[in-house]
Amino acid sequence: MVDLTPVFEVLGIGVVAHFSGNVLEHIGHGGKVMYVRIGSYVACAYVAFSAWWDCLREVAHTFGVHL
């Protein structure tokens, strides 16, 4: 069965980053939006790496290798 948890985590991070960036721009802190975007990219990269590592571990377990 397909695990969609990482997809929803990335979507949640993207939605929160988008809205917080808009709020920061509207209250006059547009220069800080860059930091929100960088943080969201790092968080998405962590989620993607974690999902990739879980997939790799599952494939390795299929072939009898334990990581």
PDB file of N, CA and C in Angstrom:
ATOM      1  N   MET A   1       0.837  -1.179   0.000  1.00  0.00           N
ATOM      2  CA  MET A   1       0.000   0.000   0.000  1.00  0.00           C
ATOM      3  C   MET A   1       0.883   1.245   0.000  1.00  0.00           C
ATOM      4  N   VAL A   2       0.443   2.260  -0.661  1.00  0.00           N
ATOM      5  CA  VAL A   2       1.204   3.496  -0.797  1.00  0.00           C
ATOM      6  C   VAL A   2       1.000   4.360   0.447  1.00  0.00           C
ATOM      7  N   ASP A   3       2.113   4.848   0.990  1.00  0.00           N
ATOM      8  CA  ASP A   3       2.059   5.721   2.162  1.00  0.00           C
ATOM      9  C   ASP A   3       2.084   7.170   1.680  1.00  0.00           C
ATOM     10  N   LEU A   4       0.995   7.886   1.895  1.00  0.00           N
ATOM     11  CA  LEU A   4       0.879   9.261   1.420  1.00  0.00           C
ATOM     12  C   LEU A   4       1.227  10.296   2.482  1.00  0.00           C
ATOM     13  N   THR A   5       1.731   9.859   3.618  1.00  0.00           N
ATOM     14  CA  THR A   5       2.062  10.789   4.694  1.00  0.00           C
ATOM     15  C   THR A   5       3.069  11.848   4.259  1.00  0.00           C
ATOM     16  N   PRO A   6       4.180  11.481   3.582  1.00  0.00           N
ATOM     17  CA  PRO A   6       5.129  12.524   3.166  1.00  0.00           C
ATOM     18  C   PRO A   6       4.524  13.553   2.209  1.00  0.00           C
ATOM     19  N   VAL A   7       3.615  13.114   1.358  1.00  0.00           N
ATOM     20  CA  VAL A   7       2.978  14.043   0.422  1.00  0.00           C
ATOM     21  C   VAL A   7       2.175  15.094   1.187  1.00  0.00           C
ATOM     22  N   PHE A   8       1.411  14.642   2.172  1.00  0.00           N
ATOM     23  CA  PHE A   8       0.610  15.582   2.953  1.00  0.00           C
ATOM     24  C   PHE A   8       1.478  16.454   3.852  1.00  0.00           C
ATOM     25  N   GLU A   9       2.609  15.918   4.317  1.00  0.00           N
ATOM     26  CA  GLU A   9       3.525  16.743   5.110  1.00  0.00           C
ATOM     27  C   GLU A   9       4.093  17.875   4.263  1.00  0.00           C
ATOM     28  N   VAL A  10       4.522  17.552   3.036  1.00  0.00           N
ATOM     29  CA  VAL A  10       5.067  18.582   2.145  1.00  0.00           C
ATOM     30  C   VAL A  10       3.987  19.594   1.769  1.00  0.00           C
ATOM     31  N   LEU A  11       2.774  19.124   1.514  1.00  0.00           N
ATOM     32  CA  LEU A  11       1.675  20.048   1.209  1.00  0.00           C
ATOM     33  C   LEU A  11       1.386  20.967   2.389  1.00  0.00           C
ATOM     34  N   GLY A  12       1.399  20.419   3.586  1.00  0.00           N
ATOM     35  CA  GLY A  12       1.176  21.238   4.777  1.00  0.00           C
ATOM     36  C   GLY A  12       2.260  22.279   4.966  1.00  0.00           C
ATOM     37  N   ILE A  13       3.503  21.882   4.763  1.00  0.00           N
ATOM     38  CA  ILE A  13       4.616  22.828   4.880  1.00  0.00           C
ATOM     39  C   ILE A  13       4.476  23.933   3.842  1.00  0.00           C
ATOM     40  N   GLY A  14       4.116  23.557   2.618  1.00  0.00           N
ATOM     41  CA  GLY A  14       3.958  24.544   1.555  1.00  0.00           C
ATOM     42  C   GLY A  14       2.840  25.535   1.828  1.00  0.00           C
ATOM     43  N   VAL A  15       1.717  25.038   2.318  1.00  0.00           N
ATOM     44  CA  VAL A  15       0.580  25.919   2.611  1.00  0.00           C
ATOM     45  C   VAL A  15       0.924  26.882   3.740  1.00  0.00           C
ATOM     46  N   VAL A  16       1.527  26.367   4.802  1.00  0.00           N
ATOM     47  CA  VAL A  16       1.893  27.227   5.933  1.00  0.00           C
ATOM     48  C   VAL A  16       2.931  28.260   5.514  1.00  0.00           C
ATOM     49  N   ALA A  17       3.921  27.846   4.723  1.00  0.00           N
ATOM     50  CA  ALA A  17       4.948  28.784   4.267  1.00  0.00           C
ATOM     51  C   ALA A  17       4.346  29.860   3.370  1.00  0.00           C
ATOM     52  N   HIS A  18       3.424  29.471   2.506  1.00  0.00           N
ATOM     53  CA  HIS A  18       2.800  30.435   1.603  1.00  0.00           C
ATOM     54  C   HIS A  18       2.004  31.481   2.387  1.00  0.00           C
ATOM     55  N   PHE A  19       1.161  31.014   3.297  1.00  0.00           N
ATOM     56  CA  PHE A  19       0.345  31.956   4.059  1.00  0.00           C
ATOM     57  C   PHE A  19       1.177  32.812   5.002  1.00  0.00           C
ATOM     58  N   SER A  20       2.185  32.220   5.631  1.00  0.00           N
ATOM     59  CA  SER A  20       3.024  33.031   6.522  1.00  0.00           C
ATOM     60  C   SER A  20       3.839  34.042   5.721  1.00  0.00           C
ATOM     61  N   GLY A  21       4.267  33.688   4.514  1.00  0.00           N
ATOM     62  CA  GLY A  21       4.952  34.650   3.652  1.00  0.00           C
ATOM     63  C   GLY A  21       4.050  35.801   3.260  1.00  0.00           C
ATOM     64  N   ASN A  22       2.800  35.487   2.925  1.00  0.00           N
ATOM     65  CA  ASN A  22       1.845  36.548   2.591  1.00  0.00           C
ATOM     66  C   ASN A  22       1.584  37.465   3.776  1.00  0.00           C
ATOM     67  N   VAL A  23       1.447  36.887   4.957  1.00  0.00           N
ATOM     68  CA  VAL A  23       1.205  37.694   6.153  1.00  0.00           C
ATOM     69  C   VAL A  23       2.403  38.599   6.423  1.00  0.00           C
ATOM     70  N   LEU A  24       3.608  38.058   6.316  1.00  0.00           N
ATOM     71  CA  LEU A  24       4.807  38.870   6.543  1.00  0.00           C
ATOM     72  C   LEU A  24       4.905  40.019   5.543  1.00  0.00           C
ATOM     73  N   GLU A  25       4.542  39.762   4.280  1.00  0.00           N
ATOM     74  CA  GLU A  25       4.579  40.835   3.281  1.00  0.00           C
ATOM     75  C   GLU A  25       3.554  41.919   3.598  1.00  0.00           C
ATOM     76  N   HIS A  26       2.373  41.515   4.023  1.00  0.00           N
ATOM     77  CA  HIS A  26       1.312  42.494   4.286  1.00  0.00           C
ATOM     78  C   HIS A  26       1.563  43.324   5.533  1.00  0.00           C
ATOM     79  N   ILE A  27       2.296  42.791   6.496  1.00  0.00           N
ATOM     80  CA  ILE A  27       2.570  43.586   7.698  1.00  0.00           C
ATOM     81  C   ILE A  27       3.880  44.359   7.583  1.00  0.00           C
ATOM     82  N   GLY A  28       4.536  44.268   6.428  1.00  0.00           N
ATOM     83  CA  GLY A  28       5.697  45.109   6.186  1.00  0.00           C
ATOM     84  C   GLY A  28       7.045  44.460   6.424  1.00  0.00           C
ATOM     85  N   HIS A  29       7.095  43.158   6.573  1.00  0.00           N
ATOM     86  CA  HIS A  29       8.365  42.464   6.773  1.00  0.00           C
ATOM     87  C   HIS A  29       8.688  41.599   5.556  1.00  0.00           C
ATOM     88  N   GLY A  30       8.645  42.194   4.384  1.00  0.00           N
ATOM     89  CA  GLY A  30       8.864  41.447   3.150  1.00  0.00           C
ATOM     90  C   GLY A  30      10.242  40.838   3.036  1.00  0.00           C
ATOM     91  N   GLY A  31      11.243  41.443   3.687  1.00  0.00           N
ATOM     92  CA  GLY A  31      12.597  40.910   3.621  1.00  0.00           C
ATOM     93  C   GLY A  31      12.761  39.600   4.360  1.00  0.00           C
ATOM     94  N   LYS A  32      11.860  39.313   5.271  1.00  0.00           N
ATOM     95  CA  LYS A  32      11.956  38.081   6.052  1.00  0.00           C
ATOM     96  C   LYS A  32      11.262  36.905   5.379  1.00  0.00           C
ATOM     97  N   VAL A  33      10.583  37.160   4.279  1.00  0.00           N
ATOM     98  CA  VAL A  33       9.904  36.089   3.553  1.00  0.00           C
ATOM     99  C   VAL A  33      10.925  35.096   3.017  1.00  0.00           C
ATOM    100  N   MET A  34      12.089  35.597   2.646  1.00  0.00           N
ATOM    101  CA  MET A  34      13.148  34.728   2.135  1.00  0.00           C
ATOM    102  C   MET A  34      13.518  33.665   3.168  1.00  0.00           C
ATOM    103  N   TYR A  35      13.567  34.047   4.436  1.00  0.00           N
ATOM    104  CA  TYR A  35      13.922  33.093   5.482  1.00  0.00           C
ATOM    105  C   TYR A  35      12.830  32.045   5.675  1.00  0.00           C
ATOM    106  N   VAL A  36      11.591  32.452   5.506  1.00  0.00           N
ATOM    107  CA  VAL A  36      10.480  31.499   5.590  1.00  0.00           C
ATOM    108  C   VAL A  36      10.577  30.501   4.446  1.00  0.00           C
ATOM    109  N   ARG A  37      10.884  30.987   3.255  1.00  0.00           N
ATOM    110  CA  ARG A  37      11.008  30.089   2.104  1.00  0.00           C
ATOM    111  C   ARG A  37      12.178  29.135   2.269  1.00  0.00           C
ATOM    112  N   ILE A  38      13.309  29.643   2.731  1.00  0.00           N
ATOM    113  CA  ILE A  38      14.467  28.773   2.948  1.00  0.00           C
ATOM    114  C   ILE A  38      14.129  27.709   3.989  1.00  0.00           C
ATOM    115  N   GLY A  39      13.478  28.114   5.065  1.00  0.00           N
ATOM    116  CA  GLY A  39      13.076  27.150   6.093  1.00  0.00           C
ATOM    117  C   GLY A  39      12.118  26.100   5.561  1.00  0.00           C
ATOM    118  N   SER A  40      11.195  26.530   4.707  1.00  0.00           N
ATOM    119  CA  SER A  40      10.250  25.564   4.147  1.00  0.00           C
ATOM    120  C   SER A  40      10.947  24.614   3.181  1.00  0.00           C
ATOM    121  N   TYR A  41      11.927  25.107   2.411  1.00  0.00           N
ATOM    122  CA  TYR A  41      12.680  24.220   1.523  1.00  0.00           C
ATOM    123  C   TYR A  41      13.470  23.194   2.317  1.00  0.00           C
ATOM    124  N   VAL A  42      14.065  23.628   3.413  1.00  0.00           N
ATOM    125  CA  VAL A  42      14.825  22.701   4.258  1.00  0.00           C
ATOM    126  C   VAL A  42      13.889  21.658   4.868  1.00  0.00           C
ATOM    127  N   ALA A  43      12.729  22.089   5.333  1.00  0.00           N
ATOM    128  CA  ALA A  43      11.768  21.149   5.918  1.00  0.00           C
ATOM    129  C   ALA A  43      11.270  20.150   4.875  1.00  0.00           C
ATOM    130  N   CYS A  44      10.995  20.619   3.666  1.00  0.00           N
ATOM    131  CA  CYS A  44      10.557  19.714   2.600  1.00  0.00           C
ATOM    132  C   CYS A  44      11.667  18.746   2.213  1.00  0.00           C
ATOM    133  N   ALA A  45      12.903  19.221   2.195  1.00  0.00           N
ATOM    134  CA  ALA A  45      14.029  18.342   1.886  1.00  0.00           C
ATOM    135  C   ALA A  45      14.178  17.265   2.954  1.00  0.00           C
ATOM    136  N   TYR A  46      13.967  17.630   4.215  1.00  0.00           N
ATOM    137  CA  TYR A  46      14.045  16.641   5.290  1.00  0.00           C
ATOM    138  C   TYR A  46      12.954  15.582   5.137  1.00  0.00           C
ATOM    139  N   VAL A  47      11.746  16.004   4.828  1.00  0.00           N
ATOM    140  CA  VAL A  47      10.645  15.057   4.646  1.00  0.00           C
ATOM    141  C   VAL A  47      10.932  14.141   3.459  1.00  0.00           C
ATOM    142  N   ALA A  48      11.433  14.709   2.355  1.00  0.00           N
ATOM    143  CA  ALA A  48      11.739  13.905   1.174  1.00  0.00           C
ATOM    144  C   ALA A  48      12.863  12.914   1.462  1.00  0.00           C
ATOM    145  N   PHE A  49      13.901  13.356   2.172  1.00  0.00           N
ATOM    146  CA  PHE A  49      15.001  12.458   2.506  1.00  0.00           C
ATOM    147  C   PHE A  49      14.526  11.339   3.418  1.00  0.00           C
ATOM    148  N   SER A  50      13.685  11.669   4.377  1.00  0.00           N
ATOM    149  CA  SER A  50      13.162  10.658   5.288  1.00  0.00           C
ATOM    150  C   SER A  50      12.324   9.624   4.530  1.00  0.00           C
ATOM    151  N   ALA A  51      11.492  10.076   3.607  1.00  0.00           N
ATOM    152  CA  ALA A  51      10.679   9.157   2.809  1.00  0.00           C
ATOM    153  C   ALA A  51      11.559   8.297   1.913  1.00  0.00           C
ATOM    154  N   TRP A  52      12.592   8.905   1.325  1.00  0.00           N
ATOM    155  CA  TRP A  52      13.514   8.161   0.469  1.00  0.00           C
ATOM    156  C   TRP A  52      14.245   7.100   1.276  1.00  0.00           C
ATOM    157  N   TRP A  53      14.683   7.445   2.473  1.00  0.00           N
ATOM    158  CA  TRP A  53      15.411   6.499   3.318  1.00  0.00           C
ATOM    159  C   TRP A  53      14.502   5.344   3.738  1.00  0.00           C
ATOM    160  N   ASP A  54      13.248   5.637   4.064  1.00  0.00           N
ATOM    161  CA  ASP A  54      12.301   4.578   4.416  1.00  0.00           C
ATOM    162  C   ASP A  54      12.060   3.647   3.233  1.00  0.00           C
ATOM    163  N   CYS A  55      11.955   4.211   2.048  1.00  0.00           N
ATOM    164  CA  CYS A  55      11.771   3.404   0.838  1.00  0.00           C
ATOM    165  C   CYS A  55      12.993   2.530   0.584  1.00  0.00           C
ATOM    166  N   LEU A  56      14.173   3.109   0.726  1.00  0.00           N
ATOM    167  CA  LEU A  56      15.405   2.349   0.529  1.00  0.00           C
ATOM    168  C   LEU A  56      15.497   1.206   1.536  1.00  0.00           C
ATOM    169  N   ARG A  57      15.138   1.475   2.778  1.00  0.00           N
ATOM    170  CA  ARG A  57      15.177   0.443   3.815  1.00  0.00           C
ATOM    171  C   ARG A  57      14.190  -0.680   3.502  1.00  0.00           C
ATOM    172  N   GLU A  58      13.021  -0.316   2.979  1.00  0.00           N
ATOM    173  CA  GLU A  58      12.024  -1.330   2.642  1.00  0.00           C
ATOM    174  C   GLU A  58      12.479  -2.196   1.468  1.00  0.00           C
ATOM    175  N   VAL A  59      13.080  -1.572   0.457  1.00  0.00           N
ATOM    176  CA  VAL A  59      13.594  -2.329  -0.687  1.00  0.00           C
ATOM    177  C   VAL A  59      14.737  -3.236  -0.250  1.00  0.00           C
ATOM    178  N   ALA A  60      15.622  -2.728   0.597  1.00  0.00           N
ATOM    179  CA  ALA A  60      16.736  -3.543   1.086  1.00  0.00           C
ATOM    180  C   ALA A  60      16.219  -4.722   1.901  1.00  0.00           C
ATOM    181  N   HIS A  61      15.186  -4.493   2.698  1.00  0.00           N
ATOM    182  CA  HIS A  61      14.609  -5.575   3.491  1.00  0.00           C
ATOM    183  C   HIS A  61      13.996  -6.639   2.589  1.00  0.00           C
ATOM    184  N   THR A  62      13.447  -6.225   1.443  1.00  0.00           N
ATOM    185  CA  THR A  62      12.890  -7.171   0.485  1.00  0.00           C
ATOM    186  C   THR A  62      13.958  -8.128  -0.027  1.00  0.00           C
ATOM    187  N   PHE A  63      15.181  -7.619  -0.201  1.00  0.00           N
ATOM    188  CA  PHE A  63      16.285  -8.439  -0.684  1.00  0.00           C
ATOM    189  C   PHE A  63      17.081  -9.088   0.445  1.00  0.00           C
ATOM    190  N   GLY A  64      16.622  -8.947   1.671  1.00  0.00           N
ATOM    191  CA  GLY A  64      17.268  -9.610   2.788  1.00  0.00           C
ATOM    192  C   GLY A  64      18.397  -8.836   3.436  1.00  0.00           C
ATOM    193  N   VAL A  65      18.551  -7.571   3.093  1.00  0.00           N
ATOM    194  CA  VAL A  65      19.591  -6.731   3.682  1.00  0.00           C
ATOM    195  C   VAL A  65      18.933  -5.848   4.734  1.00  0.00           C
ATOM    196  N   HIS A  66      19.566  -5.753   5.895  1.00  0.00           N
ATOM    197  CA  HIS A  66      18.998  -4.934   6.966  1.00  0.00           C
ATOM    198  C   HIS A  66      19.852  -3.694   7.166  1.00  0.00           C
ATOM    199  N   LEU A  67      19.251  -2.523   6.984  1.00  0.00           N
ATOM    200  CA  LEU A  67      19.965  -1.256   7.163  1.00  0.00           C
ATOM    201  C   LEU A  67      19.689  -0.681   8.526  1.00  0.00           C
TER     202      LEU A  67
END
